[in-house]
Amino acid sequence: MNGVPTPQSRLTRRHRRLGIISIDALTAVFVTALGAAAFFSLVPVVDRSQRIGRQESIAIQLSNRMIEQLQLLKPGDVTPAVLGQLNLIDSGQSSPPYTFTNIPLDEASRYSPAQALPNGTGLLNVVQLPHNSVEVRVQISWQSSSGRQRTIQTGTVLGGFR
């Protein structure tokens, strides 16, 4: 017993080393599994966020396109007859708010709110203002994949009242 290791003590040290390596390996596998689970749980959240962002972008493009087309009109031309003749509102309407759910607002893609968005609708409200001016409000609504009603609203004033 003068410090010389016995065969049994060498075997015990080897088992301890193997045990520590096994614990390290199990810990690494556990941490890797946790990381993979966290990563893959984010995939549906990112996908849903991208889908919502894409739908909002389409709604904004459609509402901006409607505003651009309305800004080309004189305030006195914002009537059901003129709007219908220019194919800016759905046919058969006589008073605001007007719908434009099935009107293709983007000539390049021919998208209407109903075609571009799930359960998409378009609404145009016209408010007469003093000084021969008109306020137009555009609202585009749709149902998101989570079942929530989403809405984009914008507007502008046509005429001299600013």
Protein backbone atom coordinates (compact mmCIF):
# COMPACT_ATOMS: atom_id res chain seq x y z
CA MET A 1 0.00 0.00 0.00
CA ASN A 2 2.70 2.39 -0.86
CA GLY A 3 0.72 4.28 -3.52
CA VAL A 4 0.74 1.59 -6.19
CA PRO A 5 -2.76 1.22 -7.69
CA THR A 6 -4.29 -2.20 -7.57
CA PRO A 7 -6.10 -3.69 -10.55
CA GLN A 8 -9.43 -3.15 -8.79
CA SER A 9 -8.79 0.55 -8.18
CA ARG A 10 -7.82 1.01 -11.86
CA LEU A 11 -11.07 -0.67 -12.87
CA THR A 12 -13.07 1.56 -10.55
CA ARG A 13 -11.44 4.69 -11.99
CA ARG A 14 -12.24 3.50 -15.51
CA HIS A 15 -15.90 2.91 -14.55
CA ARG A 16 -16.09 6.36 -13.02
CA ARG A 17 -14.64 7.90 -16.17
CA LEU A 18 -17.12 5.96 -18.33
CA GLY A 19 -19.97 6.98 -16.03
CA ILE A 20 -19.02 10.65 -16.30
CA ILE A 21 -18.75 10.38 -20.09
CA SER A 22 -22.17 8.70 -20.19
CA ILE A 23 -23.71 11.46 -18.07
CA ASP A 24 -22.10 14.09 -20.32
CA ALA A 25 -23.46 12.36 -23.41
CA LEU A 26 -26.96 12.07 -21.95
CA THR A 27 -26.88 15.74 -20.94
CA ALA A 28 -25.80 16.74 -24.45
CA VAL A 29 -28.59 14.65 -26.00
CA PHE A 30 -31.13 16.19 -23.60
CA VAL A 31 -30.01 19.77 -24.32
CA THR A 32 -30.02 19.09 -28.07
CA ALA A 33 -33.53 17.61 -27.85
CA LEU A 34 -34.75 20.67 -25.93
CA GLY A 35 -33.24 22.98 -28.53
CA ALA A 36 -34.81 21.01 -31.39
CA ALA A 37 -38.20 21.03 -29.67
CA ALA A 38 -37.99 24.79 -29.15
CA PHE A 39 -36.98 25.35 -32.76
CA PHE A 40 -39.72 23.18 -34.22
CA SER A 41 -42.36 24.71 -31.94
CA LEU A 42 -41.53 28.10 -33.50
CA VAL A 43 -42.17 26.92 -37.07
CA PRO A 44 -46.01 27.16 -36.88
CA VAL A 45 -45.80 30.57 -35.18
CA VAL A 46 -43.50 31.93 -37.88
CA ASP A 47 -45.69 30.45 -40.62
CA ARG A 48 -48.83 32.03 -39.16
CA SER A 49 -47.08 35.39 -38.76
CA GLN A 50 -45.93 35.31 -42.38
CA ARG A 51 -49.43 34.44 -43.59
CA ILE A 52 -50.97 37.30 -41.55
CA GLY A 53 -48.33 39.71 -42.82
CA ARG A 54 -48.91 38.64 -46.42
CA GLN A 55 -52.69 39.10 -46.05
CA GLU A 56 -52.26 42.52 -44.46
CA SER A 57 -49.91 43.52 -47.26
CA ILE A 58 -52.46 42.47 -49.88
CA ALA A 59 -55.23 44.38 -48.06
CA ILE A 60 -53.07 47.51 -47.87
CA GLN A 61 -52.21 47.25 -51.57
CA LEU A 62 -55.90 46.89 -52.48
CA SER A 63 -56.97 49.81 -50.28
CA ASN A 64 -54.18 52.01 -51.65
CA ARG A 65 -55.19 51.08 -55.18
CA MET A 66 -58.80 52.12 -54.49
CA ILE A 67 -57.65 55.44 -52.99
CA GLU A 68 -55.41 56.06 -56.03
CA GLN A 69 -58.33 55.47 -58.38
CA LEU A 70 -60.65 57.72 -56.34
CA GLN A 71 -58.07 60.53 -56.27
CA LEU A 72 -58.37 60.74 -60.06
CA LEU A 73 -62.03 61.80 -59.68
CA LYS A 74 -63.53 65.21 -59.00
CA PRO A 75 -65.56 65.39 -55.79
CA GLY A 76 -68.77 65.76 -57.84
CA ASP A 77 -68.00 62.49 -59.66
CA VAL A 78 -68.11 60.37 -56.50
CA THR A 79 -71.66 59.19 -57.19
CA PRO A 80 -73.09 55.68 -57.50
CA ALA A 81 -73.61 56.16 -61.24
CA VAL A 82 -70.03 57.28 -61.95
CA LEU A 83 -68.45 54.79 -59.54
CA GLY A 84 -70.48 51.97 -61.10
CA GLN A 85 -69.65 53.09 -64.65
CA LEU A 86 -65.93 53.15 -63.78
CA ASN A 87 -66.27 49.69 -62.22
CA LEU A 88 -65.15 50.90 -58.80
CA ILE A 89 -68.13 49.50 -56.87
CA ASP A 90 -70.24 46.37 -57.15
CA SER A 91 -73.28 46.89 -59.42
CA GLY A 92 -76.77 47.80 -58.23
CA GLN A 93 -75.91 50.20 -55.40
CA SER A 94 -77.52 53.57 -54.87
CA SER A 95 -76.21 54.93 -51.56
CA PRO A 96 -73.12 54.69 -49.38
CA PRO A 97 -71.54 52.68 -47.98
CA TYR A 98 -70.75 50.95 -51.25
CA THR A 99 -69.24 47.51 -51.57
CA PHE A 100 -66.41 46.64 -53.94
CA THR A 101 -65.92 43.05 -52.86
CA ASN A 102 -65.82 41.63 -56.40
CA ILE A 103 -64.13 44.54 -58.20
CA PRO A 104 -60.58 43.80 -59.42
CA LEU A 105 -58.54 46.68 -58.00
CA ASP A 106 -55.17 45.52 -59.22
CA GLU A 107 -55.06 45.34 -63.01
CA ALA A 108 -51.86 43.30 -63.04
CA SER A 109 -53.22 40.48 -60.92
CA ARG A 110 -56.95 41.17 -61.37
CA TYR A 111 -57.39 40.70 -57.61
CA SER A 112 -60.55 41.77 -55.89
CA PRO A 113 -60.86 41.61 -52.10
CA ALA A 114 -62.96 38.43 -52.45
CA GLN A 115 -60.32 36.77 -54.67
CA ALA A 116 -57.23 37.92 -52.82
CA LEU A 117 -58.28 37.35 -49.21
CA PRO A 118 -60.22 34.63 -47.38
CA ASN A 119 -63.81 35.90 -47.02
CA GLY A 120 -62.53 39.28 -48.22
CA THR A 121 -64.89 42.24 -48.50
CA GLY A 122 -64.41 45.84 -49.55
CA LEU A 123 -66.42 48.80 -48.32
CA LEU A 124 -66.34 52.39 -49.55
CA ASN A 125 -67.99 55.11 -47.51
CA VAL A 126 -68.49 58.61 -48.90
CA VAL A 127 -69.10 61.63 -46.65
CA GLN A 128 -69.99 65.02 -48.14
CA LEU A 129 -67.93 67.86 -46.68
CA PRO A 130 -68.27 71.65 -47.01
CA HIS A 131 -66.56 73.55 -49.83
CA ASN A 132 -67.49 70.99 -52.53
CA SER A 133 -65.30 68.32 -50.94
CA VAL A 134 -65.82 64.63 -50.26
CA GLU A 135 -64.20 62.33 -47.70
CA VAL A 136 -63.80 58.75 -48.88
CA ARG A 137 -63.08 55.93 -46.46
CA VAL A 138 -61.93 52.53 -47.67
CA GLN A 139 -62.23 49.44 -45.51
CA ILE A 140 -61.06 45.95 -46.45
CA SER A 141 -61.93 43.06 -44.15
CA TRP A 142 -61.13 39.36 -44.21
CA GLN A 143 -61.03 36.35 -41.94
CA SER A 144 -57.58 35.22 -40.84
CA SER A 145 -56.58 31.57 -40.66
CA SER A 146 -57.16 31.70 -36.89
CA GLY A 147 -60.79 32.73 -37.52
CA ARG A 148 -60.36 36.35 -36.39
CA GLN A 149 -61.87 39.18 -38.40
CA ARG A 150 -59.10 41.47 -39.68
CA THR A 151 -59.66 44.96 -41.09
CA ILE A 152 -57.57 47.60 -42.85
CA GLN A 153 -58.99 51.15 -43.06
CA THR A 154 -57.75 54.19 -44.91
CA GLY A 155 -59.20 57.32 -46.42
CA THR A 156 -58.63 60.65 -48.09
CA VAL A 157 -60.36 63.94 -48.87
CA LEU A 158 -61.16 64.90 -52.45
CA GLY A 159 -61.62 68.57 -53.26
CA GLY A 160 -60.60 71.88 -51.76
CA PHE A 161 -61.39 71.13 -48.09
CA ARG A 162 -58.07 70.06 -46.60
